Amino acid sequence: FENNANFTATICHELMENPEVQDRLFKEALEVRDQLAGKPLTYEAVMKMKYMDMVTSETLRKWSLAGALDRLCSKDYDLTDDKGNLIFKFKAGDYIWFPVVGLHNDERYFEDPNLFKPERFSEENKDNIKPYTYL
């Protein structure tokens, strides 16, 4: 429950700080309401809300709920570069930590990472996000 509450508070904060985002999201919500013509809101209708998805993704990027993720190696693995040179050797039982906050706030992966820009996740732009940098 805590993650949901924190996320809800964070997205409300970003909408308050970014009234143009709030206005656009509100317009999308009104469009969905009008399309439903008095029928109850459905999961399918919410899933069609493209801007809502962009705002949600950008909120999770800027304010990640997890500072890091970890994984346990189940078998030995050699990490190599493009030329086959050994970079690191993982052993079964090793823990690997992925710095989510570090990746999400790195200017090499996200231009102006401290700015709230839902358009990063638009259909036109989301393919520009380098693989494995948005967790």
N, C-alpha and C. Protein backbone atom coordinates (compact mmCIF):
# COMPACT_ATOMS: atom_id res chain seq x y z
N PHE A 1 0.82 -1.20 0.00
CA PHE A 1 0.00 0.00 0.00
C PHE A 1 0.86 1.26 0.00
N GLU A 2 1.99 1.21 0.68
CA GLU A 2 2.83 2.40 0.79
C GLU A 2 3.31 2.88 -0.58
N ASN A 3 3.70 1.95 -1.46
CA ASN A 3 4.15 2.36 -2.80
C ASN A 3 3.04 3.06 -3.56
N ASN A 4 1.83 2.54 -3.49
CA ASN A 4 0.70 3.17 -4.18
C ASN A 4 0.44 4.57 -3.64
N ALA A 5 0.48 4.71 -2.33
CA ALA A 5 0.24 6.02 -1.72
C ALA A 5 1.34 7.00 -2.10
N ASN A 6 2.58 6.55 -2.06
CA ASN A 6 3.70 7.43 -2.44
C ASN A 6 3.60 7.84 -3.90
N PHE A 7 3.28 6.88 -4.77
CA PHE A 7 3.16 7.20 -6.19
C PHE A 7 2.03 8.20 -6.43
N THR A 8 0.89 7.99 -5.79
CA THR A 8 -0.24 8.89 -5.96
C THR A 8 0.12 10.31 -5.51
N ALA A 9 0.78 10.42 -4.36
CA ALA A 9 1.20 11.74 -3.87
C ALA A 9 2.20 12.38 -4.82
N THR A 10 3.11 11.58 -5.35
CA THR A 10 4.14 12.11 -6.25
C THR A 10 3.55 12.59 -7.56
N ILE A 11 2.65 11.82 -8.13
CA ILE A 11 2.04 12.24 -9.40
C ILE A 11 1.20 13.50 -9.18
N CYS A 12 0.52 13.60 -8.05
CA CYS A 12 -0.24 14.82 -7.73
C CYS A 12 0.70 16.02 -7.61
N HIS A 13 1.84 15.81 -6.98
CA HIS A 13 2.84 16.89 -6.85
C HIS A 13 3.30 17.35 -8.23
N GLU A 14 3.63 16.40 -9.11
CA GLU A 14 4.10 16.77 -10.45
C GLU A 14 3.01 17.48 -11.24
N LEU A 15 1.77 17.06 -11.10
CA LEU A 15 0.68 17.75 -11.79
C LEU A 15 0.49 19.17 -11.26
N MET A 16 0.69 19.35 -9.96
CA MET A 16 0.60 20.69 -9.37
C MET A 16 1.74 21.57 -9.87
N GLU A 17 2.93 21.00 -9.97
CA GLU A 17 4.11 21.76 -10.41
C GLU A 17 4.10 22.03 -11.92
N ASN A 18 3.34 21.24 -12.67
CA ASN A 18 3.33 21.34 -14.13
C ASN A 18 1.88 21.48 -14.62
N PRO A 19 1.31 22.69 -14.50
CA PRO A 19 -0.10 22.87 -14.84
C PRO A 19 -0.44 22.54 -16.29
N GLU A 20 0.52 22.71 -17.21
CA GLU A 20 0.25 22.37 -18.60
C GLU A 20 0.06 20.87 -18.77
N VAL A 21 0.79 20.08 -17.99
CA VAL A 21 0.61 18.62 -18.01
C VAL A 21 -0.74 18.27 -17.39
N GLN A 22 -1.06 18.92 -16.28
CA GLN A 22 -2.34 18.69 -15.62
C GLN A 22 -3.50 19.00 -16.57
N ASP A 23 -3.41 20.12 -17.28
CA ASP A 23 -4.49 20.50 -18.21
C ASP A 23 -4.65 19.47 -19.33
N ARG A 24 -3.54 19.04 -19.89
CA ARG A 24 -3.61 18.06 -20.99
C ARG A 24 -4.19 16.73 -20.49
N LEU A 25 -3.77 16.31 -19.32
CA LEU A 25 -4.28 15.06 -18.76
C LEU A 25 -5.77 15.17 -18.44
N PHE A 26 -6.18 16.32 -17.92
CA PHE A 26 -7.59 16.55 -17.62
C PHE A 26 -8.43 16.49 -18.90
N LYS A 27 -7.92 17.09 -19.97
CA LYS A 27 -8.64 17.05 -21.26
C LYS A 27 -8.77 15.62 -21.76
N GLU A 28 -7.72 14.82 -21.59
CA GLU A 28 -7.80 13.42 -22.00
C GLU A 28 -8.86 12.69 -21.17
N ALA A 29 -8.90 12.96 -19.88
CA ALA A 29 -9.90 12.32 -19.01
C ALA A 29 -11.32 12.72 -19.42
N LEU A 30 -11.51 13.99 -19.79
CA LEU A 30 -12.83 14.44 -20.25
C LEU A 30 -13.22 13.76 -21.56
N GLU A 31 -12.26 13.58 -22.45
CA GLU A 31 -12.53 12.89 -23.72
C GLU A 31 -12.99 11.45 -23.46
N VAL A 32 -12.33 10.78 -22.54
CA VAL A 32 -12.70 9.40 -22.21
C VAL A 32 -14.10 9.38 -21.59
N ARG A 33 -14.36 10.31 -20.70
CA ARG A 33 -15.69 10.40 -20.08
C ARG A 33 -16.77 10.58 -21.15
N ASP A 34 -16.50 11.47 -22.10
CA ASP A 34 -17.48 11.72 -23.17
C ASP A 34 -17.67 10.50 -24.06
N GLN A 35 -16.58 9.78 -24.34
CA GLN A 35 -16.67 8.57 -25.16
C GLN A 35 -17.49 7.48 -24.47
N LEU A 36 -17.40 7.43 -23.16
CA LEU A 36 -18.14 6.41 -22.41
C LEU A 36 -19.64 6.74 -22.33
N ALA A 37 -19.98 7.99 -22.56
CA ALA A 37 -21.39 8.42 -22.61
C ALA A 37 -22.21 7.91 -21.42
N GLY A 38 -21.68 8.13 -20.21
CA GLY A 38 -22.43 7.76 -19.02
C GLY A 38 -22.18 6.35 -18.52
N LYS A 39 -21.48 5.54 -19.31
CA LYS A 39 -21.16 4.18 -18.86
C LYS A 39 -20.01 4.24 -17.85
N PRO A 40 -19.89 3.22 -17.00
CA PRO A 40 -18.80 3.20 -16.02
C PRO A 40 -17.43 3.12 -16.70
N LEU A 41 -16.45 3.69 -16.04
CA LEU A 41 -15.07 3.63 -16.52
C LEU A 41 -14.61 2.18 -16.53
N THR A 42 -13.95 1.78 -17.60
CA THR A 42 -13.46 0.40 -17.73
C THR A 42 -11.94 0.38 -17.79
N TYR A 43 -11.39 -0.78 -17.52
CA TYR A 43 -9.95 -0.98 -17.64
C TYR A 43 -9.50 -0.67 -19.07
N GLU A 44 -10.27 -1.12 -20.04
CA GLU A 44 -9.93 -0.91 -21.45
C GLU A 44 -9.85 0.57 -21.78
N ALA A 45 -10.78 1.35 -21.24
CA ALA A 45 -10.79 2.79 -21.49
C ALA A 45 -9.54 3.45 -20.90
N VAL A 46 -9.18 3.05 -19.68
CA VAL A 46 -7.97 3.60 -19.05
C VAL A 46 -6.73 3.23 -19.85
N MET A 47 -6.68 2.00 -20.34
CA MET A 47 -5.50 1.54 -21.09
C MET A 47 -5.34 2.29 -22.42
N LYS A 48 -6.39 2.91 -22.91
CA LYS A 48 -6.31 3.70 -24.15
C LYS A 48 -5.86 5.14 -23.89
N MET A 49 -5.70 5.51 -22.64
CA MET A 49 -5.30 6.88 -22.29
C MET A 49 -3.79 7.02 -22.47
N LYS A 50 -3.38 7.44 -23.65
CA LYS A 50 -1.95 7.52 -24.00
C LYS A 50 -1.21 8.53 -23.13
N TYR A 51 -1.81 9.69 -22.93
CA TYR A 51 -1.10 10.71 -22.15
C TYR A 51 -0.99 10.29 -20.68
N MET A 52 -2.01 9.64 -20.17
CA MET A 52 -1.94 9.11 -18.80
C MET A 52 -0.76 8.15 -18.66
N ASP A 53 -0.57 7.30 -19.66
CA ASP A 53 0.56 6.37 -19.64
C ASP A 53 1.88 7.13 -19.67
N MET A 54 1.97 8.18 -20.47
CA MET A 54 3.19 8.98 -20.54
C MET A 54 3.49 9.65 -19.20
N VAL A 55 2.46 10.22 -18.58
CA VAL A 55 2.63 10.89 -17.28
C VAL A 55 3.04 9.88 -16.22
N THR A 56 2.42 8.72 -16.23
CA THR A 56 2.76 7.67 -15.27
C THR A 56 4.20 7.21 -15.45
N SER A 57 4.61 6.98 -16.68
CA SER A 57 5.97 6.52 -16.96
C SER A 57 7.00 7.56 -16.55
N GLU A 58 6.73 8.82 -16.85
CA GLU A 58 7.67 9.88 -16.50
C GLU A 58 7.75 10.06 -14.98
N THR A 59 6.63 9.92 -14.30
CA THR A 59 6.65 10.00 -12.83
C THR A 59 7.51 8.88 -12.26
N LEU A 60 7.35 7.67 -12.78
CA LEU A 60 8.15 6.54 -12.29
C LEU A 60 9.62 6.68 -12.66
N ARG A 61 9.91 7.36 -13.77
CA ARG A 61 11.31 7.60 -14.12
C ARG A 61 11.93 8.61 -13.16
N LYS A 62 11.26 9.73 -12.99
CA LYS A 62 11.82 10.81 -12.18
C LYS A 62 11.84 10.47 -10.69
N TRP A 63 10.84 9.75 -10.24
CA TRP A 63 10.69 9.43 -8.82
C TRP A 63 10.55 7.92 -8.65
N SER A 64 11.57 7.21 -8.97
CA SER A 64 11.52 5.75 -8.92
C SER A 64 11.14 5.26 -7.53
N LEU A 65 10.27 4.27 -7.49
CA LEU A 65 9.86 3.70 -6.21
C LEU A 65 10.95 2.81 -5.61
N ALA A 66 11.87 2.37 -6.45
CA ALA A 66 12.97 1.52 -5.98
C ALA A 66 14.29 2.21 -6.30
N GLY A 67 15.12 2.42 -5.30
CA GLY A 67 16.43 3.02 -5.54
C GLY A 67 17.33 2.11 -6.34
N ALA A 68 17.16 0.82 -6.12
CA ALA A 68 17.96 -0.18 -6.83
C ALA A 68 17.17 -1.48 -6.89
N LEU A 69 17.52 -2.29 -7.86
CA LEU A 69 16.96 -3.64 -7.97
C LEU A 69 18.11 -4.63 -7.83
N ASP A 70 17.82 -5.79 -7.30
CA ASP A 70 18.87 -6.80 -7.19
C ASP A 70 18.43 -8.10 -7.81
N ARG A 71 19.42 -8.86 -8.21
CA ARG A 71 19.19 -10.19 -8.77
C ARG A 71 20.26 -11.12 -8.22
N LEU A 72 19.89 -12.39 -8.08
CA LEU A 72 20.81 -13.42 -7.61
C LEU A 72 21.21 -14.27 -8.81
N CYS A 73 22.52 -14.38 -9.05
CA CYS A 73 23.00 -15.19 -10.17
C CYS A 73 22.73 -16.66 -9.88
N SER A 74 22.09 -17.33 -10.82
CA SER A 74 21.79 -18.75 -10.65
C SER A 74 22.87 -19.63 -11.24
N LYS A 75 23.76 -19.03 -12.06
CA LYS A 75 24.87 -19.78 -12.64
C LYS A 75 26.01 -18.82 -12.94
N ASP A 76 27.19 -19.34 -13.14
CA ASP A 76 28.34 -18.51 -13.50
C ASP A 76 28.08 -17.85 -14.85
N TYR A 77 28.57 -16.60 -14.99
CA TYR A 77 28.37 -15.88 -16.24
C TYR A 77 29.53 -14.92 -16.46
N ASP A 78 30.07 -14.93 -17.68
CA ASP A 78 31.13 -13.99 -18.05
C ASP A 78 30.52 -12.85 -18.85
N LEU A 79 30.68 -11.63 -18.35
CA LEU A 79 30.22 -10.45 -19.06
C LEU A 79 31.36 -9.96 -19.94
N THR A 80 31.09 -9.86 -21.24
CA THR A 80 32.12 -9.45 -22.19
C THR A 80 31.66 -8.22 -22.97
N ASP A 81 32.63 -7.51 -23.55
CA ASP A 81 32.28 -6.39 -24.41
C ASP A 81 32.02 -6.90 -25.83
N ASP A 82 31.83 -5.97 -26.76
CA ASP A 82 31.52 -6.33 -28.15
C ASP A 82 32.61 -7.17 -28.81
N LYS A 83 33.83 -7.03 -28.31
CA LYS A 83 34.97 -7.75 -28.91
C LYS A 83 35.27 -9.06 -28.20
N GLY A 84 34.47 -9.40 -27.21
CA GLY A 84 34.68 -10.64 -26.48
C GLY A 84 35.64 -10.53 -25.31
N ASN A 85 36.09 -9.32 -25.00
CA ASN A 85 36.99 -9.12 -23.86
C ASN A 85 36.20 -9.23 -22.56
N LEU A 86 36.76 -9.94 -21.60
CA LEU A 86 36.10 -10.13 -20.32
C LEU A 86 36.04 -8.81 -19.56
N ILE A 87 34.85 -8.44 -19.14
CA ILE A 87 34.64 -7.24 -18.34
C ILE A 87 34.50 -7.61 -16.87
N PHE A 88 33.70 -8.65 -16.62
CA PHE A 88 33.47 -9.07 -15.25
C PHE A 88 33.00 -10.51 -15.24
N LYS A 89 33.37 -11.22 -14.20
CA LYS A 89 32.98 -12.62 -14.05
C LYS A 89 32.02 -12.73 -12.86
N PHE A 90 30.80 -13.19 -13.14
CA PHE A 90 29.81 -13.40 -12.10
C PHE A 90 29.82 -14.88 -11.72
N LYS A 91 29.68 -15.14 -10.46
CA LYS A 91 29.62 -16.51 -9.95
C LYS A 91 28.20 -16.82 -9.47
N ALA A 92 27.81 -18.05 -9.57
CA ALA A 92 26.52 -18.47 -9.03
C ALA A 92 26.48 -18.08 -7.55
N GLY A 93 25.39 -17.47 -7.13
CA GLY A 93 25.25 -17.02 -5.76
C GLY A 93 25.59 -15.55 -5.56
N ASP A 94 26.23 -14.91 -6.55
CA ASP A 94 26.52 -13.48 -6.46
C ASP A 94 25.22 -12.68 -6.57
N TYR A 95 25.17 -11.57 -5.85
CA TYR A 95 24.07 -10.62 -6.00
C TYR A 95 24.52 -9.49 -6.91
N ILE A 96 23.63 -9.08 -7.80
CA ILE A 96 23.90 -7.96 -8.70
C ILE A 96 22.89 -6.87 -8.37
N TRP A 97 23.38 -5.66 -8.21
CA TRP A 97 22.52 -4.52 -7.93
C TRP A 97 22.47 -3.62 -9.16
N PHE A 98 21.26 -3.19 -9.53
CA PHE A 98 21.05 -2.27 -10.64
C PHE A 98 20.59 -0.93 -10.07
N PRO A 99 21.35 0.14 -10.28
CA PRO A 99 21.02 1.44 -9.70
C PRO A 99 19.92 2.16 -10.48
N VAL A 100 18.68 1.88 -10.16
CA VAL A 100 17.55 2.45 -10.90
C VAL A 100 17.59 3.97 -10.88
N VAL A 101 17.73 4.56 -9.71
CA VAL A 101 17.74 6.02 -9.60
C VAL A 101 18.90 6.60 -10.41
N GLY A 102 20.05 5.96 -10.35
CA GLY A 102 21.20 6.43 -11.12
C GLY A 102 20.95 6.40 -12.61
N LEU A 103 20.36 5.32 -13.09
CA LEU A 103 20.06 5.22 -14.53
C LEU A 103 19.01 6.25 -14.94
N HIS A 104 17.97 6.39 -14.16
CA HIS A 104 16.87 7.28 -14.51
C HIS A 104 17.25 8.76 -14.44
N ASN A 105 18.33 9.08 -13.75
CA ASN A 105 18.76 10.48 -13.61
C ASN A 105 20.07 10.77 -14.30
N ASP A 106 20.49 9.89 -15.18
CA ASP A 106 21.75 10.05 -15.91
C ASP A 106 21.49 10.79 -17.22
N GLU A 107 22.17 11.92 -17.41
CA GLU A 107 21.99 12.73 -18.62
C GLU A 107 22.39 12.00 -19.89
N ARG A 108 23.18 10.96 -19.77
CA ARG A 108 23.53 10.19 -20.97
C ARG A 108 22.32 9.44 -21.51
N TYR A 109 21.35 9.17 -20.66
CA TYR A 109 20.18 8.40 -21.06
C TYR A 109 18.91 9.24 -21.15
N PHE A 110 18.81 10.27 -20.31
CA PHE A 110 17.62 11.11 -20.28
C PHE A 110 18.04 12.57 -20.24
N GLU A 111 17.80 13.27 -21.35
CA GLU A 111 18.14 14.69 -21.42
C GLU A 111 17.36 15.45 -20.36
N ASP A 112 18.04 16.37 -19.68
CA ASP A 112 17.41 17.15 -18.61
C ASP A 112 16.64 16.24 -17.65
N PRO A 113 17.33 15.32 -16.99
CA PRO A 113 16.64 14.33 -16.16
C PRO A 113 15.85 14.91 -14.99
N ASN A 114 16.19 16.12 -14.56
CA ASN A 114 15.46 16.71 -13.43
C ASN A 114 14.16 17.38 -13.85
N LEU A 115 13.95 17.50 -15.16
CA LEU A 115 12.71 18.09 -15.65
C LEU A 115 11.66 17.00 -15.85
N PHE A 116 10.42 17.36 -15.59
CA PHE A 116 9.30 16.44 -15.77
C PHE A 116 8.78 16.60 -17.19
N LYS A 117 9.08 15.63 -18.06
CA LYS A 117 8.73 15.71 -19.47
C LYS A 117 8.07 14.41 -19.93
N PRO A 118 6.75 14.31 -19.78
CA PRO A 118 6.05 13.09 -20.19
C PRO A 118 6.26 12.73 -21.65
N GLU A 119 6.57 13.73 -22.48
CA GLU A 119 6.75 13.48 -23.91
C GLU A 119 7.91 12.53 -24.19
N ARG A 120 8.78 12.30 -23.22
CA ARG A 120 9.85 11.30 -23.40
C ARG A 120 9.25 9.95 -23.78
N PHE A 121 8.03 9.70 -23.30
CA PHE A 121 7.40 8.40 -23.47
C PHE A 121 6.29 8.41 -24.52
N SER A 122 6.30 9.42 -25.39
CA SER A 122 5.32 9.46 -26.48
C SER A 122 5.67 8.40 -27.51
N GLU A 123 4.72 8.09 -28.37
CA GLU A 123 4.96 7.11 -29.44
C GLU A 123 6.16 7.52 -30.28
N GLU A 124 6.32 8.82 -30.52
CA GLU A 124 7.42 9.31 -31.35
C GLU A 124 8.77 9.20 -30.66
N ASN A 125 8.79 9.31 -29.33
CA ASN A 125 10.06 9.39 -28.61
C ASN A 125 10.46 8.14 -27.84
N LYS A 126 9.52 7.28 -27.48
CA LYS A 126 9.86 6.18 -26.57
C LYS A 126 10.88 5.21 -27.15
N ASP A 127 10.94 5.11 -28.48
CA ASP A 127 11.95 4.23 -29.08
C ASP A 127 13.36 4.81 -28.98
N ASN A 128 13.47 6.09 -28.62
CA ASN A 128 14.78 6.72 -28.44
C ASN A 128 15.38 6.41 -27.07
N ILE A 129 14.60 5.84 -26.18
CA ILE A 129 15.10 5.48 -24.85
C ILE A 129 15.97 4.24 -25.01
N LYS A 130 17.21 4.35 -24.55
CA LYS A 130 18.13 3.23 -24.69
C LYS A 130 17.63 2.04 -23.89
N PRO A 131 17.71 0.85 -24.48
CA PRO A 131 17.24 -0.35 -23.78
C PRO A 131 17.90 -0.51 -22.41
N TYR A 132 17.12 -0.93 -21.45
CA TYR A 132 17.56 -1.25 -20.09
C TYR A 132 17.96 -0.03 -19.27
N THR A 133 17.60 1.18 -19.72
CA THR A 133 17.88 2.37 -18.91
C THR A 133 16.63 2.86 -18.19
N TYR A 134 15.47 2.41 -18.63
CA TYR A 134 14.22 2.72 -17.92
C TYR A 134 13.71 1.42 -17.33
N LEU A 135 13.80 1.33 -16.01
CA LEU A 135 13.42 0.09 -15.34
C LEU A 135 12.11 0.31 -14.62
